[in-house]
Protein backbone atom coordinates (compact mmCIF):
# COMPACT_ATOMS: atom_id res chain seq x y z
CA MET A 1 0.00 0.00 0.00
CA GLU A 2 1.29 3.49 -0.80
CA ASN A 3 2.36 5.86 1.94
CA PRO A 4 -0.89 7.65 2.89
CA SER A 5 0.95 10.93 3.31
CA LEU A 6 1.68 10.89 -0.44
CA VAL A 7 -1.81 10.11 -1.75
CA LYS A 8 -5.26 11.59 -1.30
CA MET A 9 -7.20 9.31 1.01
CA THR A 10 -10.71 8.32 -0.07
CA THR A 11 -13.39 6.11 1.43
CA GLN A 12 -12.08 3.32 -0.78
CA THR A 13 -8.44 3.68 0.28
CA ILE A 14 -9.52 3.79 3.93
CA ARG A 15 -11.50 0.60 3.43
CA ALA A 16 -8.56 -1.04 1.63
CA LEU A 17 -6.31 -0.45 4.65
CA LYS A 18 -8.16 -3.14 6.61
CA GLY A 19 -5.71 -5.92 7.30
CA GLN A 20 -2.83 -3.90 5.83
CA ARG A 21 -1.94 -1.46 8.61
CA ALA A 22 -3.55 0.52 11.42
CA ILE A 23 -5.69 3.48 10.35
CA VAL A 24 -4.90 6.79 12.07
CA CYS A 25 -7.85 9.11 12.70
CA VAL A 26 -8.06 12.47 14.48
CA THR A 27 -11.05 14.61 15.38
CA ALA A 28 -10.45 18.26 14.46
CA TYR A 29 -12.56 21.40 14.18
CA ASP A 30 -10.46 24.11 12.49
CA THR A 31 -8.04 24.78 9.65
CA PRO A 32 -4.71 25.02 11.55
CA THR A 33 -5.32 21.79 13.47
CA ALA A 34 -6.35 19.98 10.29
CA GLN A 35 -3.22 21.22 8.49
CA CYS A 36 -0.92 20.03 11.30
CA ALA A 37 -2.57 16.62 11.57
CA ASP A 38 -2.48 16.18 7.81
CA ALA A 39 1.20 17.11 7.64
CA ALA A 40 1.85 14.40 10.24
CA GLY A 41 0.29 11.77 7.95
CA VAL A 42 -3.11 11.26 9.60
CA ASP A 43 -5.40 9.17 7.38
CA LEU A 44 -8.83 10.51 8.35
CA LEU A 45 -10.00 13.77 9.91
CA LEU A 46 -13.37 13.71 11.63
CA VAL A 47 -15.20 16.97 12.21
CA GLY A 48 -17.03 15.70 15.26
CA ASP A 49 -20.09 17.08 16.97
CA SER A 50 -17.82 16.85 20.01
CA VAL A 51 -16.98 20.41 18.94
CA GLY A 52 -19.82 21.17 21.35
CA ASN A 53 -17.97 20.12 24.51
CA ASN A 54 -14.38 20.61 23.27
CA VAL A 55 -14.69 24.07 21.71
CA LEU A 56 -18.11 25.64 22.18
CA GLY A 57 -18.52 25.18 25.95
CA PHE A 58 -21.52 22.85 25.92
CA ALA A 59 -21.78 19.98 28.41
CA ASN A 60 -22.28 17.43 25.60
CA THR A 61 -22.93 17.11 21.87
CA VAL A 62 -26.72 17.48 21.99
CA PRO A 63 -26.90 21.29 21.49
CA VAL A 64 -24.77 21.17 18.33
CA THR A 65 -26.80 22.13 15.26
CA LEU A 66 -26.38 21.35 11.58
CA ASP A 67 -25.38 24.97 10.93
CA MET A 68 -22.59 24.63 13.50
CA MET A 69 -21.40 21.41 11.89
CA VAL A 70 -21.37 22.95 8.42
CA HIS A 71 -19.37 25.91 9.78
CA HIS A 72 -16.64 23.77 11.37
CA ALA A 73 -16.64 21.22 8.55
CA ALA A 74 -15.91 23.99 6.07
CA ALA A 75 -13.01 25.22 8.22
CA VAL A 76 -11.40 21.76 8.16
CA ALA A 77 -12.16 21.23 4.47
CA ARG A 78 -10.44 24.52 3.61
CA ALA A 79 -7.18 22.97 4.85
CA ARG A 80 -7.25 20.93 1.59
CA THR A 81 -5.84 17.85 3.28
CA GLU A 82 -4.63 14.57 1.88
CA ALA A 83 -6.57 12.99 4.76
CA LEU A 84 -10.19 12.00 4.17
CA VAL A 85 -12.54 14.54 5.81
CA VAL A 86 -15.70 13.21 7.47
CA ALA A 87 -18.33 15.14 9.45
CA ASP A 88 -20.84 14.05 12.08
CA LEU A 89 -24.53 14.30 11.33
CA PRO A 90 -25.69 16.09 14.50
CA PHE A 91 -28.27 15.22 17.12
CA GLY A 92 -31.64 14.08 15.79
CA ASP A 93 -30.97 14.58 12.08
CA ALA A 94 -30.59 10.85 11.31
CA HIS A 95 -34.16 10.29 12.53
CA LEU A 96 -35.86 12.84 10.29
CA LYS A 97 -37.80 11.80 7.21
CA PRO A 98 -35.41 10.07 4.76
CA GLY A 99 -35.59 12.94 2.29
CA ASP A 100 -34.67 15.41 5.02
CA VAL A 101 -31.72 13.26 6.13
CA VAL A 102 -30.44 13.37 2.56
CA LYS A 103 -30.77 17.17 2.60
CA SER A 104 -28.80 17.44 5.86
CA CYS A 105 -26.01 15.24 4.52
CA ARG A 106 -26.01 17.13 1.25
CA ARG A 107 -25.38 20.36 3.16
CA LEU A 108 -22.40 18.84 4.95
CA ILE A 109 -20.92 17.76 1.62
CA GLN A 110 -21.87 20.73 -0.59
CA GLU A 111 -21.50 23.57 1.93
CA GLY A 112 -19.16 21.94 4.44
CA GLY A 113 -16.91 20.44 1.79
CA VAL A 114 -16.53 17.06 3.50
CA GLU A 115 -16.24 13.77 1.65
CA ALA A 116 -18.37 11.57 3.91
CA VAL A 117 -20.67 11.72 6.93
CA LYS A 118 -20.70 9.78 10.20
CA ILE A 119 -24.00 8.65 11.70
CA GLU A 120 -24.60 7.21 15.17
CA GLY A 121 -26.79 4.12 15.44
CA GLY A 122 -27.15 0.58 14.18
CA VAL A 123 -30.14 -1.47 13.07
CA THR A 124 -32.58 1.43 13.38
CA VAL A 125 -30.62 3.78 11.08
CA ALA A 126 -29.35 1.15 8.63
CA PRO A 127 -32.23 1.68 6.14
CA VAL A 128 -31.59 5.42 5.87
CA ILE A 129 -27.84 4.80 5.55
CA ALA A 130 -28.53 2.43 2.64
CA ARG A 131 -30.55 5.19 0.99
CA LEU A 132 -27.75 7.74 1.52
CA VAL A 133 -25.17 5.41 -0.02
CA LEU A 134 -27.44 4.93 -3.05
CA ALA A 135 -27.63 8.72 -3.30
CA GLY A 136 -23.82 8.91 -3.51
CA ILE A 137 -23.22 9.95 0.10
CA PRO A 138 -20.50 7.84 1.78
CA VAL A 139 -21.32 6.96 5.39
CA MET A 140 -19.21 5.97 8.38
CA GLY A 141 -21.12 4.13 11.10
CA HIS A 142 -20.85 4.64 14.86
CA ILE A 143 -21.90 2.10 17.51
CA GLY A 144 -21.17 1.37 21.16
CA LEU A 145 -21.35 4.56 23.17
CA GLN A 146 -23.41 7.05 21.17
CA PRO A 147 -22.82 10.48 22.75
CA GLN A 148 -25.98 11.88 21.18
CA GLN A 149 -27.93 9.47 23.41
CA VAL A 150 -26.47 10.88 26.64
CA ASN A 151 -29.83 12.10 27.93
CA VAL A 152 -31.27 8.60 27.50
CA LEU A 153 -28.20 6.86 28.91
CA GLY A 154 -27.84 9.20 31.87
CA GLY A 155 -24.06 9.17 31.43
CA TYR A 156 -21.21 7.39 29.68
CA ARG A 157 -20.21 3.76 30.23
CA LYS A 158 -18.59 0.74 28.58
CA PHE A 159 -20.80 -1.22 26.16
CA GLY A 160 -21.00 -4.91 25.23
CA GLN A 161 -19.75 -6.48 28.43
CA ARG A 162 -22.85 -8.67 28.79
CA VAL A 163 -24.11 -11.17 26.23
CA PRO A 164 -27.46 -9.55 25.30
CA GLU A 165 -25.87 -6.16 24.70
CA ALA A 166 -22.93 -7.71 22.85
CA ASP A 167 -25.34 -9.59 20.57
CA ALA A 168 -27.25 -6.37 19.89
CA LEU A 169 -24.03 -4.53 19.02
CA ARG A 170 -23.00 -7.34 16.70
CA ALA A 171 -26.38 -7.08 14.97
CA ASP A 172 -25.88 -3.30 14.68
CA ALA A 173 -22.46 -3.73 13.09
CA GLU A 174 -23.67 -6.32 10.61
CA ALA A 175 -26.67 -4.16 9.65
CA LEU A 176 -24.37 -1.19 9.02
CA GLU A 177 -22.06 -3.27 6.87
CA ARG A 178 -24.99 -4.52 4.79
CA ALA A 179 -26.20 -0.93 4.43
CA GLY A 180 -22.90 0.01 2.79
CA VAL A 181 -20.84 1.93 5.35
CA PHE A 182 -17.13 2.18 4.49
CA ALA A 183 -16.04 1.97 8.16
CA ILE A 184 -17.48 1.79 11.67
CA VAL A 185 -16.45 3.67 14.80
CA ALA A 186 -16.67 1.51 17.92
CA GLU A 187 -16.73 3.77 20.99
CA MET A 188 -16.29 2.61 24.59
CA MET A 189 -16.90 -1.00 23.61
CA ASP A 190 -15.70 -4.07 25.46
CA PRO A 191 -12.25 -4.79 23.90
CA ARG A 192 -13.05 -8.47 23.38
CA LEU A 193 -16.18 -7.63 21.41
CA ALA A 194 -14.36 -4.92 19.44
CA ALA A 195 -11.64 -7.41 18.55
CA ASP A 196 -14.23 -9.97 17.46
CA LEU A 197 -16.02 -7.45 15.24
CA THR A 198 -12.68 -6.40 13.76
CA ARG A 199 -12.00 -10.03 12.79
CA THR A 200 -15.45 -10.76 11.35
CA LEU A 201 -16.45 -7.55 9.56
CA HIS A 202 -15.19 -6.71 6.09
CA VAL A 203 -15.07 -2.97 6.78
CA PRO A 204 -12.55 -1.28 9.10
CA VAL A 205 -13.47 -0.93 12.77
CA ILE A 206 -12.06 2.30 14.23
CA GLY A 207 -11.76 2.16 17.99
CA ILE A 208 -12.07 4.89 20.58
CA GLY A 209 -11.74 3.51 24.07
CA SER A 210 -12.34 -0.01 22.69
CA GLY A 211 -8.94 -1.63 23.05
CA PRO A 212 -5.88 -2.18 20.84
CA ASP A 213 -7.19 -4.79 18.40
CA CYS A 214 -9.31 -2.56 16.15
CA ASP A 215 -8.32 -1.72 12.57
CA GLY A 216 -7.54 1.84 13.64
CA GLN A 217 -7.87 4.40 16.40
CA ILE A 218 -9.37 7.86 16.72
CA LEU A 219 -8.78 10.54 19.35
CA VAL A 220 -9.84 14.16 19.66
CA ALA A 221 -7.03 16.58 18.78
CA HIS A 222 -7.59 18.52 22.01
CA ASP A 223 -7.01 15.34 24.04
CA ILE A 224 -3.89 14.42 22.04
CA LEU A 225 -2.48 17.90 22.60
CA GLY A 226 -3.32 18.02 26.31
CA MET A 227 -5.70 20.95 26.01
CA ASN A 228 -8.63 19.46 27.92
CA GLU A 229 -9.15 19.13 31.63
CA GLY A 230 -10.91 15.90 32.54
CA ALA A 231 -10.11 14.05 29.31
CA PRO A 232 -11.56 10.52 28.94
CA SER A 233 -9.64 7.77 30.71
CA PHE A 234 -8.74 6.09 27.41
CA ALA A 235 -7.25 9.28 25.92
CA LYS A 236 -3.48 9.80 25.90
CA ALA A 237 -1.97 13.29 25.90
CA TYR A 238 1.13 13.59 23.71
CA ALA A 239 1.74 17.21 24.71
CA ASN A 240 0.66 19.70 27.39
CA LEU A 241 -0.49 22.64 25.31
CA ARG A 242 -2.90 23.79 28.01
CA GLU A 243 0.03 24.64 30.26
CA THR A 244 2.07 26.01 27.34
CA MET A 245 -0.80 28.33 26.38
CA ARG A 246 -1.40 29.43 29.97
CA ALA A 247 2.30 30.25 30.41
CA ALA A 248 2.42 32.18 27.12
CA PHE A 249 -0.63 34.26 28.05
CA ALA A 250 0.82 34.93 31.51
CA THR A 251 4.14 36.07 30.04
CA TYR A 252 2.35 38.33 27.57
CA ALA A 253 0.23 39.85 30.34
CA ALA A 254 3.30 40.46 32.51
CA GLU A 255 5.18 42.13 29.64
CA VAL A 256 2.27 44.42 28.79
CA ARG A 257 1.83 45.46 32.44
CA GLY A 258 5.60 45.93 32.79
CA LYS A 259 5.83 48.03 29.61
CA ILE A 260 8.17 45.45 28.09
CA TYR A 261 5.88 44.71 25.16
CA PRO A 262 5.81 46.33 22.72
CA ALA A 263 9.45 47.34 22.86
CA ALA A 264 10.30 50.95 22.16
CA PRO A 265 11.50 51.41 18.57
CA ALA A 266 15.27 51.55 18.23
CA LYS A 267 16.62 55.01 17.37
CA SER A 268 18.26 55.29 13.97
CA ALA A 269 21.76 56.78 13.57
CA SER A 270 20.31 59.85 11.80
CA SER A 271 17.90 60.59 14.64
CA VAL A 272 20.72 60.25 17.18
CA GLU A 273 22.85 62.77 15.23
CA ALA A 274 19.89 65.14 14.95
CA ASN A 275 19.45 65.21 18.71
CA LYS A 276 23.05 66.16 19.42
């Protein structure tokens, strides 16, 4: 397989990576972050509705609207990345009338500039996903923890640890594959179940908090960079930009108050002679 940093990733190249190498995915919400992740060779950039709690100050993803998603999707798409750009269909939109779901996805692609959409849900949303695929809209599935269901769940937890729930998740995954998704995100899923789905499905399984045996992994850029307080337990910070930013702002504030910044302009030789 070619080096992904040298080719434009598509839904088909992402799918073809299954069994070849691990797929690297990052959730991003703006142009500079997308550019940096792309330069590092990330395969897939997800414009997640987690922009709500990571950037916009909401407690969860539920308040995020389609207009918000289009806005942030367009910012990432303008980075013109080699990575595939995917955007979340926000809360409630997947359960509208099929024609309206198509319209929402069309906005993300035409106005947001993304190349695919991600939809939470399994068996219940599989029929509408099949319709979207027929309409030329590539879809990435999402099962396990579905953050848009937080008000029903009452909180976040691990999924698939008991047989009935594991069987239901397996049915969800199989329904999504039959519907034509090019990949499936498995969030906060029992690692044994995630590994089993990875072995049995023909599409890539991208894990987030679901163990090391998935076809790929995805993390939010803010968690990778150490910008969030109270990051999920499965997240790993590879930097501490929160402290770096705080220190930079503090230094700036001190220099302004101390009249250090901006520095006084240096006097030219001619002005020095004129003052003699």
